[in-house]
């Protein structure tokens, strides 16, 4: 009999995702948190941040704080930290949807690809929006008057990270991706 081995990395990831799931159910953003975010955003970008669900706002603030704690001050990077997931607000992406996306992405990516395929019937819309959220967010950020570097960081934040980031933009993207992955 073959006994499957369990990777501690997988266990750690799973426990993180379980904590993330339950914390998203209870997500709240304080007025102080909103002021902190809005102080870094232009008026159009503030409106985008306000339209995000509380769990996404809290995640964006965690990414922002991680970057600031690491000494990052580039305005485009900090704007992208706050708006990188704004495209998800195009639909109601529940914690259940997020859990399914994470599980399928890890264990059955072909099924996730099928769920996200366009055109999608209404019940598959959250999966399609999740797949398209970087491009949607970038389009909205452009319309809101964000700078081109922020827009491109939002657009590309889900791309596989470069092994050796070259140039300032790739370095900013790598920093955003690392902070996003850890929060």
Protein backbone atom coordinates (compact mmCIF):
# COMPACT_ATOMS: atom_id res chain seq x y z
CA UNK A 1 0.00 0.00 0.00
CA UNK A 2 1.29 3.44 -0.93
CA UNK A 3 0.79 6.08 1.71
CA UNK A 4 0.64 9.57 0.25
CA UNK A 5 3.13 12.00 1.73
CA UNK A 6 1.96 15.40 2.82
CA UNK A 7 4.14 18.35 2.10
CA UNK A 8 4.52 20.69 5.09
CA UNK A 9 4.46 23.53 2.60
CA UNK A 10 1.02 22.38 1.45
CA UNK A 11 -0.19 22.08 5.06
CA UNK A 12 1.13 25.55 5.83
CA UNK A 13 -0.54 26.96 2.70
CA UNK A 14 -3.81 25.23 3.52
CA UNK A 15 -3.87 26.54 7.10
CA UNK A 16 -3.08 30.04 5.83
CA UNK A 17 -5.97 29.83 3.36
CA UNK A 18 -8.36 28.58 6.07
CA UNK A 19 -7.42 31.55 8.30
CA UNK A 20 -7.78 33.86 5.30
CA UNK A 21 -11.23 32.41 4.55
CA UNK A 22 -12.57 33.01 8.07
CA UNK A 23 -11.00 36.45 8.40
CA UNK A 24 -12.62 37.51 5.11
CA UNK A 25 -16.02 36.63 6.56
CA UNK A 26 -15.46 39.15 9.34
CA UNK A 27 -13.53 41.79 7.39
CA UNK A 28 -13.89 45.35 8.57
CA UNK A 29 -11.93 48.45 7.62
CA UNK A 30 -11.67 51.29 10.11
CA UNK A 31 -12.07 54.96 9.26
CA UNK A 32 -8.37 55.39 10.06
CA UNK A 33 -7.52 52.65 7.51
CA UNK A 34 -9.67 54.34 4.87
CA UNK A 35 -7.97 57.67 5.54
CA UNK A 36 -4.55 56.01 5.23
CA UNK A 37 -5.48 54.57 1.83
CA UNK A 38 -7.19 57.68 0.54
CA UNK A 39 -4.20 59.87 1.48
CA UNK A 40 -2.15 57.96 -1.11
CA UNK A 41 -4.73 58.05 -3.92
CA UNK A 42 -6.07 60.67 -6.30
CA UNK A 43 -9.80 61.39 -6.30
CA UNK A 44 -10.70 58.91 -9.06
CA UNK A 45 -8.56 56.21 -7.48
CA UNK A 46 -10.17 56.87 -4.08
CA UNK A 47 -13.54 56.07 -5.62
CA UNK A 48 -12.15 52.79 -6.96
CA UNK A 49 -10.81 51.87 -3.53
CA UNK A 50 -14.17 52.67 -1.90
CA UNK A 51 -16.02 50.34 -4.30
CA UNK A 52 -13.91 47.36 -3.22
CA UNK A 53 -15.46 44.98 -0.66
CA UNK A 54 -14.06 45.29 2.89
CA UNK A 55 -12.06 42.04 2.62
CA UNK A 56 -10.32 43.30 -0.54
CA UNK A 57 -9.71 46.71 1.05
CA UNK A 58 -8.16 45.05 4.09
CA UNK A 59 -5.97 42.86 1.86
CA UNK A 60 -4.86 45.92 -0.14
CA UNK A 61 -3.97 47.76 3.07
CA UNK A 62 -1.95 44.74 4.26
CA UNK A 63 -0.02 44.74 0.97
CA UNK A 64 0.56 48.50 1.30
CA UNK A 65 1.82 48.16 4.87
CA UNK A 66 4.14 45.29 3.96
CA UNK A 67 5.69 47.39 1.22
CA UNK A 68 6.04 50.41 3.49
CA UNK A 69 7.62 48.28 6.23
CA UNK A 70 10.14 47.11 3.63
CA UNK A 71 11.01 50.76 2.99
CA UNK A 72 9.18 51.12 -0.32
CA UNK A 73 8.08 54.66 -1.14
CA UNK A 74 7.56 54.64 -4.92
CA UNK A 75 4.14 56.33 -5.40
CA UNK A 76 3.13 54.09 -8.34
CA UNK A 77 3.94 50.95 -6.34
CA UNK A 78 1.91 52.13 -3.35
CA UNK A 79 -1.04 53.05 -5.59
CA UNK A 80 -0.87 49.62 -7.24
CA UNK A 81 -0.74 47.97 -3.81
CA UNK A 82 -4.06 49.60 -2.95
CA UNK A 83 -5.75 48.93 -6.30
CA UNK A 84 -4.22 45.70 -7.63
CA UNK A 85 -7.42 43.70 -6.96
CA UNK A 86 -9.99 46.41 -7.73
CA UNK A 87 -11.13 44.49 -10.83
CA UNK A 88 -12.55 41.79 -8.55
CA UNK A 89 -15.27 44.24 -7.53
CA UNK A 90 -16.90 43.70 -10.95
CA UNK A 91 -18.73 40.78 -9.34
CA UNK A 92 -19.62 39.41 -5.95
CA UNK A 93 -16.66 37.17 -5.21
CA UNK A 94 -17.60 35.38 -1.99
CA UNK A 95 -15.20 33.58 0.35
CA UNK A 96 -16.60 30.31 -1.05
CA UNK A 97 -15.68 31.36 -4.60
CA UNK A 98 -12.20 32.32 -3.41
CA UNK A 99 -11.75 28.95 -1.69
CA UNK A 100 -12.83 27.10 -4.84
CA UNK A 101 -10.45 29.21 -6.94
CA UNK A 102 -7.50 28.47 -4.64
CA UNK A 103 -8.27 24.74 -4.41
CA UNK A 104 -8.88 24.28 -8.13
CA UNK A 105 -5.87 26.41 -9.01
CA UNK A 106 -3.71 24.12 -6.92
CA UNK A 107 -5.30 20.70 -7.56
CA UNK A 108 -7.25 20.97 -10.83
CA UNK A 109 -6.25 24.01 -12.92
CA UNK A 110 -8.00 22.69 -16.03
CA UNK A 111 -11.33 22.86 -14.22
CA UNK A 112 -10.60 26.43 -13.12
CA UNK A 113 -9.75 27.33 -16.73
CA UNK A 114 -13.10 25.91 -17.83
CA UNK A 115 -15.00 27.83 -15.13
CA UNK A 116 -13.27 31.08 -16.13
CA UNK A 117 -13.83 30.68 -19.87
CA UNK A 118 -15.70 33.50 -21.61
CA UNK A 119 -18.56 33.93 -22.30
CA UNK A 120 -19.59 32.63 -18.91
CA UNK A 121 -23.13 31.98 -17.70
CA UNK A 122 -24.09 33.91 -14.56
CA UNK A 123 -23.06 31.17 -12.11
CA UNK A 124 -19.53 31.12 -13.60
CA UNK A 125 -19.14 34.91 -13.71
CA UNK A 126 -17.12 35.12 -10.45
CA UNK A 127 -14.52 32.73 -11.89
CA UNK A 128 -14.33 34.65 -15.17
CA UNK A 129 -13.97 37.98 -13.34
CA UNK A 130 -11.28 36.53 -11.08
CA UNK A 131 -9.32 35.52 -14.17
CA UNK A 132 -9.80 38.93 -15.82
CA UNK A 133 -9.49 41.15 -12.73
CA UNK A 134 -5.96 42.45 -13.50
CA UNK A 135 -7.02 43.77 -16.91
CA UNK A 136 -10.33 45.15 -15.61
CA UNK A 137 -8.55 46.86 -12.72
CA UNK A 138 -5.96 48.37 -15.07
CA UNK A 139 -8.69 49.74 -17.34
CA UNK A 140 -10.52 51.28 -14.39
CA UNK A 141 -7.29 52.73 -12.97
CA UNK A 142 -6.57 54.32 -16.34
CA UNK A 143 -10.04 55.87 -16.47
CA UNK A 144 -9.56 57.09 -12.88
CA UNK A 145 -6.42 58.98 -13.90
CA UNK A 146 -3.77 56.77 -12.31
CA UNK A 147 -0.23 57.03 -13.62
CA UNK A 148 0.94 54.60 -16.34
CA UNK A 149 3.32 52.68 -14.05
CA UNK A 150 0.55 51.97 -11.51
CA UNK A 151 -1.75 50.87 -14.31
CA UNK A 152 0.82 48.46 -15.72
CA UNK A 153 1.63 47.07 -12.25
CA UNK A 154 -2.08 46.38 -11.72
CA UNK A 155 -2.36 44.81 -15.18
CA UNK A 156 0.61 42.48 -14.66
CA UNK A 157 0.44 41.65 -10.93
CA UNK A 158 -0.78 38.07 -11.59
CA UNK A 159 1.89 37.20 -14.15
CA UNK A 160 4.48 34.61 -13.16
CA UNK A 161 7.28 36.48 -11.40
CA UNK A 162 10.55 37.02 -13.26
CA UNK A 163 13.44 34.89 -12.00
CA UNK A 164 15.75 37.90 -12.11
CA UNK A 165 13.81 41.17 -12.36
CA UNK A 166 15.51 43.53 -14.80
CA UNK A 167 15.00 47.27 -14.67
CA UNK A 168 12.98 49.43 -12.32
CA UNK A 169 9.53 48.31 -13.50
CA UNK A 170 10.24 44.58 -13.09
CA UNK A 171 11.71 45.24 -9.66
CA UNK A 172 8.58 47.14 -8.62
CA UNK A 173 6.41 44.34 -10.02
CA UNK A 174 8.41 41.71 -8.11
CA UNK A 175 7.96 43.68 -4.87
CA UNK A 176 4.21 44.00 -5.44
CA UNK A 177 3.88 40.30 -6.26
CA UNK A 178 5.85 39.24 -3.18
CA UNK A 179 3.78 41.44 -0.85
CA UNK A 180 0.54 40.25 -2.49
CA UNK A 181 1.54 36.60 -2.19
CA UNK A 182 2.31 36.98 1.52
CA UNK A 183 -0.88 38.84 2.39
